[in-house]
N, C-alpha and C. Protein backbone atom coordinates (compact mmCIF):
# COMPACT_ATOMS: atom_id res chain seq x y z
N MET A 1 10.56 123.46 107.63
CA MET A 1 10.57 123.88 106.23
C MET A 1 9.31 123.35 105.54
N SER A 2 8.63 124.20 104.82
CA SER A 2 7.39 123.78 104.17
C SER A 2 7.70 123.04 102.87
N PRO A 3 6.74 122.22 102.40
CA PRO A 3 6.95 121.53 101.13
C PRO A 3 7.25 122.49 99.99
N ASP A 4 6.64 123.66 100.03
CA ASP A 4 6.80 124.61 98.94
C ASP A 4 8.22 125.14 98.82
N SER A 5 8.98 125.08 99.94
CA SER A 5 10.33 125.61 99.91
C SER A 5 11.27 124.75 99.07
N GLN A 6 10.85 123.53 98.72
CA GLN A 6 11.67 122.67 97.88
C GLN A 6 11.50 122.99 96.39
N GLN A 7 10.53 123.83 96.04
CA GLN A 7 10.25 124.14 94.66
C GLN A 7 11.15 125.27 94.16
N PRO A 8 11.30 125.41 92.84
CA PRO A 8 12.03 126.55 92.31
C PRO A 8 11.40 127.85 92.79
N ILE A 9 12.22 128.89 92.94
CA ILE A 9 11.74 130.15 93.49
C ILE A 9 10.51 130.65 92.75
N GLY A 10 10.49 130.53 91.44
CA GLY A 10 9.38 131.05 90.67
C GLY A 10 8.05 130.38 90.93
N HIS A 11 8.07 129.23 91.64
CA HIS A 11 6.83 128.51 91.95
C HIS A 11 6.43 128.67 93.41
N ARG A 12 7.22 129.37 94.17
CA ARG A 12 6.95 129.47 95.60
C ARG A 12 5.77 130.39 95.90
N VAL A 13 5.12 130.09 97.01
CA VAL A 13 3.99 130.89 97.48
C VAL A 13 4.31 131.40 98.89
N ALA A 14 4.15 132.68 99.11
CA ALA A 14 4.27 133.28 100.43
C ALA A 14 2.87 133.42 101.02
N GLY A 15 2.80 133.64 102.32
CA GLY A 15 1.49 133.76 102.97
C GLY A 15 1.44 134.94 103.92
N ILE A 16 0.25 135.50 104.09
CA ILE A 16 0.09 136.60 105.03
C ILE A 16 -1.21 136.44 105.81
N VAL A 17 -1.13 136.72 107.11
CA VAL A 17 -2.29 136.74 107.98
C VAL A 17 -2.73 138.19 108.13
N LEU A 18 -3.99 138.45 107.82
CA LEU A 18 -4.53 139.80 107.98
C LEU A 18 -5.01 139.96 109.42
N ALA A 19 -4.28 140.75 110.20
CA ALA A 19 -4.59 140.92 111.63
C ALA A 19 -4.61 142.39 112.01
N GLY A 20 -5.02 143.24 111.07
CA GLY A 20 -4.98 144.67 111.32
C GLY A 20 -6.30 145.28 111.72
N GLY A 21 -7.35 144.47 111.86
CA GLY A 21 -8.66 145.00 112.23
C GLY A 21 -8.69 145.51 113.67
N ARG A 22 -9.69 146.32 113.97
CA ARG A 22 -9.78 146.92 115.31
C ARG A 22 -10.65 146.13 116.28
N SER A 23 -11.31 145.09 115.80
CA SER A 23 -12.03 144.16 116.68
C SER A 23 -13.02 144.85 117.61
N VAL A 24 -13.77 145.80 117.09
CA VAL A 24 -14.67 146.59 117.94
C VAL A 24 -15.71 145.72 118.62
N ARG A 25 -16.36 144.84 117.85
CA ARG A 25 -17.41 144.00 118.43
C ARG A 25 -16.86 142.97 119.41
N PHE A 26 -15.61 142.60 119.24
CA PHE A 26 -15.01 141.58 120.09
C PHE A 26 -14.68 142.11 121.48
N GLY A 27 -14.47 143.40 121.58
CA GLY A 27 -14.15 143.99 122.89
C GLY A 27 -12.71 143.75 123.30
N GLY A 28 -11.84 143.67 122.34
CA GLY A 28 -10.42 143.43 122.60
C GLY A 28 -9.79 142.99 121.30
N GLU A 29 -8.50 142.72 121.32
CA GLU A 29 -7.81 142.38 120.09
C GLU A 29 -8.02 140.91 119.74
N LYS A 30 -8.81 140.66 118.71
CA LYS A 30 -9.15 139.29 118.34
C LYS A 30 -7.92 138.45 118.04
N ALA A 31 -6.98 139.02 117.34
CA ALA A 31 -5.81 138.25 116.90
C ALA A 31 -5.06 137.63 118.07
N ALA A 32 -5.13 138.28 119.24
CA ALA A 32 -4.40 137.80 120.41
C ALA A 32 -5.23 136.88 121.30
N ALA A 33 -6.52 136.75 121.01
CA ALA A 33 -7.39 135.90 121.84
C ALA A 33 -6.95 134.45 121.75
N LEU A 34 -7.01 133.75 122.88
CA LEU A 34 -6.55 132.37 122.92
C LEU A 34 -7.67 131.38 122.61
N LEU A 35 -7.35 130.41 121.79
CA LEU A 35 -8.22 129.28 121.51
C LEU A 35 -7.40 128.02 121.72
N ALA A 36 -7.81 127.20 122.68
CA ALA A 36 -7.03 126.00 123.04
C ALA A 36 -5.58 126.37 123.35
N GLY A 37 -5.40 127.52 123.99
CA GLY A 37 -4.08 127.94 124.44
C GLY A 37 -3.20 128.61 123.40
N THR A 38 -3.72 128.79 122.18
CA THR A 38 -2.94 129.38 121.10
C THR A 38 -3.64 130.63 120.58
N PRO A 39 -2.92 131.74 120.41
CA PRO A 39 -3.55 132.95 119.87
C PRO A 39 -4.11 132.70 118.47
N LEU A 40 -5.24 133.33 118.18
CA LEU A 40 -5.87 133.14 116.88
C LEU A 40 -4.93 133.47 115.73
N VAL A 41 -4.10 134.49 115.89
CA VAL A 41 -3.18 134.86 114.81
C VAL A 41 -2.22 133.72 114.49
N MET A 42 -1.87 132.93 115.51
CA MET A 42 -0.95 131.83 115.27
C MET A 42 -1.67 130.61 114.68
N TRP A 43 -2.95 130.43 114.96
CA TRP A 43 -3.72 129.40 114.26
C TRP A 43 -3.63 129.64 112.75
N ALA A 44 -3.84 130.88 112.36
CA ALA A 44 -3.80 131.23 110.94
C ALA A 44 -2.40 131.08 110.36
N ALA A 45 -1.41 131.56 111.09
CA ALA A 45 -0.03 131.50 110.59
C ALA A 45 0.43 130.05 110.40
N ARG A 46 0.12 129.19 111.37
CA ARG A 46 0.56 127.79 111.27
C ARG A 46 -0.10 127.09 110.09
N ARG A 47 -1.36 127.41 109.82
CA ARG A 47 -2.03 126.79 108.67
C ARG A 47 -1.34 127.22 107.38
N LEU A 48 -1.03 128.51 107.26
CA LEU A 48 -0.35 128.99 106.07
C LEU A 48 1.04 128.37 105.92
N GLU A 49 1.72 128.17 107.03
CA GLU A 49 3.08 127.63 106.96
C GLU A 49 3.12 126.24 106.34
N ARG A 50 2.01 125.53 106.39
CA ARG A 50 1.98 124.19 105.81
C ARG A 50 1.94 124.22 104.29
N SER A 51 1.71 125.39 103.71
CA SER A 51 1.64 125.51 102.25
C SER A 51 2.57 126.57 101.68
N CYS A 52 3.17 127.38 102.54
CA CYS A 52 3.92 128.56 102.08
C CYS A 52 5.38 128.51 102.49
N VAL A 53 6.22 129.10 101.68
CA VAL A 53 7.64 129.13 101.96
C VAL A 53 7.97 130.11 103.07
N ALA A 54 7.15 131.13 103.26
CA ALA A 54 7.34 132.12 104.31
C ALA A 54 5.98 132.72 104.64
N VAL A 55 5.81 133.13 105.90
CA VAL A 55 4.54 133.71 106.34
C VAL A 55 4.82 134.98 107.12
N ALA A 56 4.03 136.01 106.85
CA ALA A 56 4.12 137.29 107.56
C ALA A 56 2.76 137.62 108.16
N VAL A 57 2.75 138.60 109.05
CA VAL A 57 1.51 139.07 109.68
C VAL A 57 1.34 140.55 109.40
N ASN A 58 0.18 140.91 108.89
CA ASN A 58 -0.17 142.32 108.68
C ASN A 58 -0.88 142.80 109.94
N ALA A 59 -0.25 143.72 110.67
CA ALA A 59 -0.79 144.19 111.94
C ALA A 59 -0.52 145.68 112.10
N ARG A 60 -1.30 146.31 112.97
CA ARG A 60 -1.07 147.71 113.28
C ARG A 60 0.09 147.84 114.26
N PRO A 61 0.85 148.93 114.17
CA PRO A 61 1.98 149.12 115.10
C PRO A 61 1.50 149.16 116.55
N GLY A 62 2.29 148.54 117.42
CA GLY A 62 2.01 148.60 118.84
C GLY A 62 0.93 147.67 119.34
N THR A 63 0.48 146.75 118.51
CA THR A 63 -0.59 145.84 118.90
C THR A 63 -0.04 144.54 119.46
N GLU A 64 -0.92 143.78 120.12
CA GLU A 64 -0.53 142.46 120.59
C GLU A 64 -0.22 141.53 119.43
N ALA A 65 -0.96 141.69 118.34
CA ALA A 65 -0.69 140.85 117.17
C ALA A 65 0.74 141.05 116.69
N GLU A 66 1.20 142.29 116.67
CA GLU A 66 2.58 142.57 116.27
C GLU A 66 3.55 141.88 117.21
N SER A 67 3.32 142.01 118.52
CA SER A 67 4.22 141.41 119.50
C SER A 67 4.26 139.89 119.39
N LEU A 68 3.08 139.28 119.21
CA LEU A 68 3.02 137.82 119.09
C LEU A 68 3.74 137.33 117.84
N ALA A 69 3.54 138.04 116.74
CA ALA A 69 4.20 137.65 115.50
C ALA A 69 5.72 137.75 115.63
N ARG A 70 6.19 138.85 116.19
CA ARG A 70 7.64 139.02 116.34
C ARG A 70 8.22 137.96 117.27
N ALA A 71 7.48 137.63 118.34
CA ALA A 71 7.96 136.61 119.28
C ALA A 71 8.06 135.25 118.60
N ALA A 72 7.21 135.03 117.61
CA ALA A 72 7.24 133.76 116.86
C ALA A 72 8.22 133.80 115.70
N GLY A 73 8.93 134.91 115.53
CA GLY A 73 9.90 135.02 114.45
C GLY A 73 9.29 135.31 113.09
N LEU A 74 8.05 135.84 113.07
CA LEU A 74 7.38 136.14 111.81
C LEU A 74 7.55 137.61 111.45
N PRO A 75 7.77 137.92 110.18
CA PRO A 75 7.82 139.32 109.77
C PRO A 75 6.47 140.00 110.02
N VAL A 76 6.52 141.26 110.38
CA VAL A 76 5.31 142.06 110.57
C VAL A 76 5.28 143.15 109.52
N LEU A 77 4.17 143.24 108.81
CA LEU A 77 4.02 144.22 107.73
C LEU A 77 2.93 145.21 108.11
N HIS A 78 3.27 146.51 108.07
CA HIS A 78 2.31 147.56 108.36
C HIS A 78 1.74 148.12 107.06
N ASP A 79 0.48 148.56 107.11
CA ASP A 79 -0.13 149.18 105.94
C ASP A 79 0.70 150.39 105.50
N ALA A 80 0.69 150.66 104.21
CA ALA A 80 1.39 151.82 103.68
C ALA A 80 0.67 153.10 104.08
N PRO A 81 1.40 154.16 104.43
CA PRO A 81 0.76 155.44 104.77
C PRO A 81 -0.13 155.91 103.63
N GLY A 82 -1.32 156.35 103.98
CA GLY A 82 -2.24 156.86 102.98
C GLY A 82 -3.24 155.85 102.47
N ASP A 83 -2.97 154.55 102.67
CA ASP A 83 -3.93 153.54 102.25
C ASP A 83 -5.11 153.50 103.21
N ALA A 84 -6.30 153.33 102.65
CA ALA A 84 -7.49 153.22 103.49
C ALA A 84 -7.41 151.94 104.32
N ALA A 85 -7.92 152.00 105.55
CA ALA A 85 -7.93 150.82 106.40
C ALA A 85 -8.80 149.74 105.77
N GLY A 86 -8.31 148.52 105.79
CA GLY A 86 -9.08 147.41 105.22
C GLY A 86 -8.16 146.33 104.68
N PRO A 87 -8.71 145.20 104.30
CA PRO A 87 -7.88 144.07 103.90
C PRO A 87 -7.02 144.30 102.67
N LEU A 88 -7.48 145.13 101.73
CA LEU A 88 -6.67 145.35 100.53
C LEU A 88 -5.34 146.01 100.85
N ALA A 89 -5.33 146.84 101.88
CA ALA A 89 -4.06 147.47 102.28
C ALA A 89 -3.07 146.40 102.74
N GLY A 90 -3.59 145.39 103.45
CA GLY A 90 -2.73 144.29 103.88
C GLY A 90 -2.28 143.44 102.71
N VAL A 91 -3.18 143.23 101.75
CA VAL A 91 -2.80 142.48 100.55
C VAL A 91 -1.70 143.21 99.80
N ARG A 92 -1.82 144.52 99.72
CA ARG A 92 -0.81 145.29 98.99
C ARG A 92 0.59 145.14 99.60
N VAL A 93 0.71 145.33 100.91
CA VAL A 93 2.05 145.21 101.52
C VAL A 93 2.52 143.76 101.47
N GLY A 94 1.56 142.82 101.52
CA GLY A 94 1.94 141.41 101.40
C GLY A 94 2.49 141.08 100.03
N LEU A 95 1.85 141.60 99.00
CA LEU A 95 2.35 141.35 97.64
C LEU A 95 3.73 141.97 97.43
N LEU A 96 3.96 143.15 97.97
CA LEU A 96 5.26 143.79 97.85
C LEU A 96 6.33 142.95 98.54
N TRP A 97 6.00 142.43 99.72
CA TRP A 97 6.92 141.57 100.46
C TRP A 97 7.17 140.27 99.70
N ALA A 98 6.11 139.66 99.18
CA ALA A 98 6.26 138.41 98.42
C ALA A 98 7.11 138.63 97.18
N GLN A 99 6.94 139.77 96.55
CA GLN A 99 7.76 140.11 95.38
C GLN A 99 9.23 140.13 95.75
N GLY A 100 9.54 140.69 96.91
CA GLY A 100 10.92 140.73 97.38
C GLY A 100 11.50 139.35 97.66
N LEU A 101 10.62 138.40 97.97
CA LEU A 101 11.06 137.02 98.19
C LEU A 101 11.16 136.23 96.89
N GLU A 102 10.80 136.87 95.78
CA GLU A 102 10.74 136.22 94.47
C GLU A 102 9.72 135.09 94.46
N ALA A 103 8.66 135.24 95.25
CA ALA A 103 7.56 134.28 95.22
C ALA A 103 6.67 134.60 94.04
N ARG A 104 5.88 133.62 93.61
CA ARG A 104 4.99 133.85 92.48
C ARG A 104 3.62 134.33 92.93
N ALA A 105 3.27 134.06 94.20
CA ALA A 105 1.92 134.38 94.65
C ALA A 105 1.89 134.56 96.15
N LEU A 106 0.77 135.13 96.62
CA LEU A 106 0.57 135.38 98.04
C LEU A 106 -0.74 134.73 98.47
N ALA A 107 -0.67 133.84 99.44
CA ALA A 107 -1.87 133.25 100.05
C ALA A 107 -2.29 134.13 101.21
N VAL A 108 -3.57 134.45 101.28
CA VAL A 108 -4.08 135.39 102.28
C VAL A 108 -5.08 134.69 103.19
N SER A 109 -4.94 134.93 104.50
CA SER A 109 -5.85 134.35 105.48
C SER A 109 -6.29 135.41 106.49
N PRO A 110 -7.56 135.38 106.91
CA PRO A 110 -7.97 136.21 108.03
C PRO A 110 -7.40 135.63 109.32
N CYS A 111 -7.36 136.43 110.37
CA CYS A 111 -6.81 135.95 111.64
C CYS A 111 -7.88 135.33 112.53
N ASP A 112 -9.15 135.48 112.16
CA ASP A 112 -10.23 135.14 113.10
C ASP A 112 -11.15 134.02 112.61
N ALA A 113 -10.62 133.11 111.81
CA ALA A 113 -11.40 131.98 111.31
C ALA A 113 -10.62 130.70 111.54
N PRO A 114 -10.55 130.22 112.78
CA PRO A 114 -9.67 129.10 113.11
C PRO A 114 -10.11 127.75 112.57
N LEU A 115 -11.33 127.65 112.08
CA LEU A 115 -11.83 126.36 111.60
C LEU A 115 -11.71 126.20 110.09
N LEU A 116 -10.95 127.05 109.43
CA LEU A 116 -10.79 126.94 107.98
C LEU A 116 -10.35 125.54 107.58
N PRO A 117 -10.81 125.06 106.43
CA PRO A 117 -10.44 123.69 106.00
C PRO A 117 -8.93 123.52 105.86
N GLU A 118 -8.45 122.35 106.22
CA GLU A 118 -7.02 122.09 106.13
C GLU A 118 -6.53 122.09 104.68
N ASP A 119 -7.44 121.78 103.75
CA ASP A 119 -7.03 121.75 102.34
C ASP A 119 -7.30 123.08 101.63
N LEU A 120 -7.62 124.12 102.39
CA LEU A 120 -7.96 125.41 101.79
C LEU A 120 -6.86 125.92 100.87
N PHE A 121 -5.68 126.10 101.40
CA PHE A 121 -4.62 126.72 100.59
C PHE A 121 -4.04 125.79 99.53
N PRO A 122 -3.87 124.49 99.81
CA PRO A 122 -3.46 123.61 98.70
C PRO A 122 -4.43 123.66 97.52
N ARG A 123 -5.72 123.71 97.80
CA ARG A 123 -6.69 123.76 96.70
C ARG A 123 -6.66 125.10 95.97
N LEU A 124 -6.52 126.19 96.72
CA LEU A 124 -6.45 127.51 96.07
C LEU A 124 -5.20 127.61 95.20
N ILE A 125 -4.09 127.13 95.72
CA ILE A 125 -2.83 127.18 94.96
C ILE A 125 -2.95 126.37 93.68
N ALA A 126 -3.54 125.18 93.79
CA ALA A 126 -3.68 124.33 92.61
C ALA A 126 -4.62 124.94 91.57
N ALA A 127 -5.70 125.55 92.05
CA ALA A 127 -6.70 126.11 91.13
C ALA A 127 -6.22 127.38 90.45
N ALA A 128 -5.41 128.16 91.15
CA ALA A 128 -5.03 129.48 90.64
C ALA A 128 -4.14 129.40 89.41
N GLY A 129 -3.29 128.39 89.33
CA GLY A 129 -2.31 128.37 88.25
C GLY A 129 -1.43 129.60 88.35
N ALA A 130 -1.34 130.36 87.27
CA ALA A 130 -0.55 131.59 87.28
C ALA A 130 -1.39 132.80 87.67
N GLY A 131 -2.68 132.58 87.99
CA GLY A 131 -3.57 133.69 88.30
C GLY A 131 -3.99 133.72 89.75
N ALA A 132 -5.23 134.14 89.98
CA ALA A 132 -5.78 134.30 91.33
C ALA A 132 -6.87 133.27 91.56
N ALA A 133 -7.17 133.04 92.84
CA ALA A 133 -8.27 132.14 93.21
C ALA A 133 -8.82 132.57 94.55
N LEU A 134 -10.10 132.31 94.77
CA LEU A 134 -10.71 132.59 96.06
C LEU A 134 -11.68 131.48 96.42
N ALA A 135 -11.89 131.32 97.72
CA ALA A 135 -12.82 130.32 98.20
C ALA A 135 -14.25 130.84 98.10
N VAL A 136 -15.17 129.93 97.82
CA VAL A 136 -16.60 130.25 97.86
C VAL A 136 -17.31 129.09 98.56
N THR A 137 -18.42 129.41 99.20
CA THR A 137 -19.30 128.41 99.82
C THR A 137 -20.71 128.70 99.35
N ASP A 138 -21.66 127.92 99.81
CA ASP A 138 -23.05 128.18 99.46
C ASP A 138 -23.52 129.52 100.01
N ASP A 139 -22.79 130.07 100.99
CA ASP A 139 -23.12 131.39 101.54
C ASP A 139 -22.55 132.53 100.71
N GLY A 140 -21.69 132.21 99.72
CA GLY A 140 -21.12 133.25 98.87
C GLY A 140 -19.61 133.25 98.86
N ARG A 141 -19.05 134.35 98.38
CA ARG A 141 -17.59 134.49 98.27
C ARG A 141 -16.95 134.61 99.64
N GLN A 142 -15.72 134.13 99.73
CA GLN A 142 -14.89 134.27 100.93
C GLN A 142 -13.59 134.95 100.50
N PRO A 143 -13.64 136.26 100.19
CA PRO A 143 -12.50 136.91 99.55
C PRO A 143 -11.27 137.10 100.43
N LEU A 144 -11.40 136.90 101.74
CA LEU A 144 -10.22 136.99 102.59
C LEU A 144 -9.47 135.67 102.66
N CYS A 145 -9.99 134.68 101.97
CA CYS A 145 -9.30 133.39 101.80
C CYS A 145 -9.01 133.25 100.31
N ALA A 146 -7.85 133.71 99.92
CA ALA A 146 -7.58 133.84 98.49
C ALA A 146 -6.10 133.69 98.18
N LEU A 147 -5.83 133.47 96.91
CA LEU A 147 -4.46 133.45 96.40
C LEU A 147 -4.33 134.54 95.36
N TRP A 148 -3.35 135.41 95.56
CA TRP A 148 -3.12 136.56 94.67
C TRP A 148 -1.78 136.40 93.98
N PRO A 149 -1.73 136.48 92.64
CA PRO A 149 -0.43 136.46 91.96
C PRO A 149 0.34 137.74 92.27
N VAL A 150 1.64 137.63 92.38
CA VAL A 150 2.44 138.83 92.68
C VAL A 150 2.26 139.89 91.61
N GLY A 151 1.95 139.48 90.39
CA GLY A 151 1.71 140.43 89.32
C GLY A 151 0.49 141.29 89.51
N ALA A 152 -0.33 140.98 90.53
CA ALA A 152 -1.53 141.78 90.82
C ALA A 152 -1.21 143.03 91.62
N LEU A 153 0.05 143.22 92.01
CA LEU A 153 0.42 144.35 92.86
C LEU A 153 -0.02 145.68 92.27
N ALA A 154 0.21 145.89 90.98
CA ALA A 154 -0.14 147.17 90.36
C ALA A 154 -1.65 147.39 90.40
N ALA A 155 -2.43 146.34 90.15
CA ALA A 155 -3.89 146.47 90.18
C ALA A 155 -4.40 146.78 91.58
N VAL A 156 -3.81 146.15 92.59
CA VAL A 156 -4.21 146.40 93.97
C VAL A 156 -3.84 147.83 94.37
N ALA A 157 -2.64 148.27 94.01
CA ALA A 157 -2.23 149.64 94.32
C ALA A 157 -3.15 150.65 93.65
N ALA A 158 -3.53 150.38 92.41
CA ALA A 158 -4.42 151.29 91.70
C ALA A 158 -5.79 151.34 92.36
N SER A 159 -6.25 150.21 92.88
CA SER A 159 -7.57 150.17 93.51
C SER A 159 -7.60 150.98 94.81
N LEU A 160 -6.43 151.18 95.41
CA LEU A 160 -6.34 151.93 96.67
C LEU A 160 -6.01 153.40 96.45
N ALA A 161 -5.83 153.81 95.22
CA ALA A 161 -5.43 155.19 94.92
C ALA A 161 -6.45 156.18 95.46
N GLY A 162 -5.92 157.28 95.99
CA GLY A 162 -6.78 158.35 96.48
C GLY A 162 -7.56 158.01 97.72
N GLY A 163 -7.11 157.00 98.47
CA GLY A 163 -7.80 156.62 99.70
C GLY A 163 -8.99 155.72 99.50
N ALA A 164 -9.17 155.21 98.28
CA ALA A 164 -10.30 154.31 98.01
C ALA A 164 -10.03 152.94 98.62
N HIS A 165 -11.11 152.18 98.83
CA HIS A 165 -10.98 150.78 99.25
C HIS A 165 -12.19 150.02 98.74
N PRO A 166 -12.14 149.58 97.47
CA PRO A 166 -13.26 148.81 96.91
C PRO A 166 -13.37 147.45 97.59
N PRO A 167 -14.49 146.75 97.42
CA PRO A 167 -14.61 145.41 97.99
C PRO A 167 -13.50 144.49 97.47
N THR A 168 -12.96 143.72 98.36
CA THR A 168 -11.87 142.82 97.98
C THR A 168 -12.29 141.85 96.87
N TRP A 169 -13.52 141.34 96.95
CA TRP A 169 -13.98 140.39 95.94
C TRP A 169 -14.00 141.03 94.55
N ARG A 170 -14.29 142.34 94.52
CA ARG A 170 -14.37 143.01 93.22
C ARG A 170 -13.00 143.08 92.56
N VAL A 171 -11.97 143.33 93.34
CA VAL A 171 -10.62 143.37 92.79
C VAL A 171 -10.21 141.97 92.31
N LEU A 172 -10.53 140.95 93.10
CA LEU A 172 -10.24 139.58 92.68
C LEU A 172 -10.99 139.23 91.40
N GLU A 173 -12.23 139.65 91.32
CA GLU A 173 -13.03 139.40 90.12
C GLU A 173 -12.40 140.05 88.91
N GLY A 174 -11.88 141.27 89.09
CA GLY A 174 -11.22 141.97 88.01
C GLY A 174 -9.96 141.26 87.53
N LEU A 175 -9.38 140.46 88.41
CA LEU A 175 -8.19 139.68 88.05
C LEU A 175 -8.55 138.34 87.41
N GLY A 176 -9.86 138.07 87.31
CA GLY A 176 -10.29 136.79 86.75
C GLY A 176 -10.07 135.62 87.70
N ALA A 177 -10.17 135.89 89.00
CA ALA A 177 -9.90 134.84 89.99
C ALA A 177 -10.83 133.65 89.82
N ARG A 178 -10.26 132.48 89.92
CA ARG A 178 -11.05 131.25 89.87
C ARG A 178 -11.71 131.01 91.23
N GLN A 179 -12.94 130.56 91.21
CA GLN A 179 -13.66 130.27 92.44
C GLN A 179 -13.52 128.79 92.78
N VAL A 180 -13.17 128.53 94.03
CA VAL A 180 -12.99 127.15 94.50
C VAL A 180 -14.04 126.90 95.57
N HIS A 181 -14.94 125.96 95.31
CA HIS A 181 -16.07 125.73 96.21
C HIS A 181 -15.71 124.80 97.36
N PHE A 182 -16.12 125.19 98.56
CA PHE A 182 -15.96 124.38 99.76
C PHE A 182 -17.33 124.09 100.35
N GLU A 183 -17.52 122.87 100.81
CA GLU A 183 -18.83 122.43 101.26
C GLU A 183 -19.29 123.13 102.54
N SER A 184 -18.38 123.29 103.51
CA SER A 184 -18.78 123.79 104.82
C SER A 184 -18.64 125.30 104.93
N ALA A 185 -19.78 125.99 104.89
CA ALA A 185 -19.76 127.44 105.11
C ALA A 185 -19.37 127.74 106.55
N GLU A 186 -19.73 126.87 107.47
CA GLU A 186 -19.43 127.08 108.88
C GLU A 186 -17.93 127.16 109.14
N ALA A 187 -17.14 126.45 108.34
CA ALA A 187 -15.70 126.45 108.53
C ALA A 187 -15.08 127.82 108.28
N PHE A 188 -15.78 128.67 107.55
CA PHE A 188 -15.27 130.00 107.22
C PHE A 188 -15.79 131.09 108.15
N ALA A 189 -16.54 130.70 109.17
CA ALA A 189 -17.15 131.70 110.06
C ALA A 189 -16.09 132.48 110.84
N ASN A 190 -16.28 133.79 110.87
CA ASN A 190 -15.39 134.66 111.65
C ASN A 190 -15.84 134.69 113.10
N LEU A 191 -14.89 134.79 114.01
CA LEU A 191 -15.21 134.92 115.43
C LEU A 191 -15.30 136.41 115.75
N ASN A 192 -16.52 136.93 115.74
CA ASN A 192 -16.70 138.37 115.92
C ASN A 192 -16.96 138.79 117.36
N THR A 193 -17.31 137.84 118.21
CA THR A 193 -17.61 138.16 119.61
C THR A 193 -16.94 137.14 120.53
N ARG A 194 -16.90 137.46 121.82
CA ARG A 194 -16.36 136.52 122.80
C ARG A 194 -17.22 135.26 122.85
N GLU A 195 -18.52 135.43 122.62
CA GLU A 195 -19.42 134.28 122.61
C GLU A 195 -19.08 133.33 121.46
N ASP A 196 -18.75 133.90 120.30
CA ASP A 196 -18.32 133.08 119.16
C ASP A 196 -17.09 132.25 119.53
N LEU A 197 -16.14 132.89 120.19
CA LEU A 197 -14.91 132.22 120.59
C LEU A 197 -15.21 131.09 121.57
N ALA A 198 -16.09 131.36 122.55
CA ALA A 198 -16.43 130.34 123.54
C ALA A 198 -17.12 129.15 122.88
N ALA A 199 -17.95 129.41 121.88
CA ALA A 199 -18.66 128.33 121.20
C ALA A 199 -17.68 127.43 120.44
N VAL A 200 -16.71 128.03 119.77
CA VAL A 200 -15.72 127.25 119.05
C VAL A 200 -14.84 126.47 120.02
N ALA A 201 -14.46 127.10 121.14
CA ALA A 201 -13.65 126.39 122.14
C ALA A 201 -14.40 125.18 122.67
N ALA A 202 -15.69 125.33 122.91
CA ALA A 202 -16.49 124.21 123.39
C ALA A 202 -16.56 123.10 122.34
N ARG A 203 -16.69 123.50 121.09
CA ARG A 203 -16.75 122.52 120.01
C ARG A 203 -15.46 121.74 119.92
N LEU A 204 -14.32 122.43 120.00
CA LEU A 204 -13.04 121.74 119.93
C LEU A 204 -12.84 120.81 121.12
N ALA A 205 -13.35 121.22 122.28
CA ALA A 205 -13.18 120.38 123.48
C ALA A 205 -13.96 119.08 123.35
N ARG A 206 -15.00 119.08 122.55
CA ARG A 206 -15.80 117.86 122.38
C ARG A 206 -15.19 116.90 121.36
N CYS A 207 -14.25 117.42 120.56
CA CYS A 207 -13.67 116.59 119.50
C CYS A 207 -12.65 115.58 120.07
């Protein structure tokens, strides 16, 4: 049970791992790739579980990510029909799910950034208050590491109308999201290739 589950329902935060990408450059399904014996999707899910009352995985039907999430007892959320492929579609179904849980907000994580700071979501939750927050580094915005209030559902749905998919940071900016600065840009690096994965595995082995 996470610490957040002890709070009143109106203060709870749900979490979602975005694992619906096609991983073209990776040459296989990134979410299912193993790092230190654990699939990347589960690295992300376990980090969220330390701050969230419940965690789900946004994945495409029939994928390894879906199978891994279900095997771990995590809900799997599919993009709504008609939504353009991309992270906002996952945010939308996540917000709808969080609303059903009577959570106040949704913490969002990519599936392919296993070195994210351990204090990422506690800091985003604290900074957001009743609104939104996103991580930033000296390299710029990190919009896939963000906290979205459940009340943003209508704005996200509107942004996806007609098959559109604006930049995620732009929608967060429209919500007045607070920016939370993190020192290490490297911690937010995505693993886009097998070589990236091997480099991180080697780094962890040295620790």
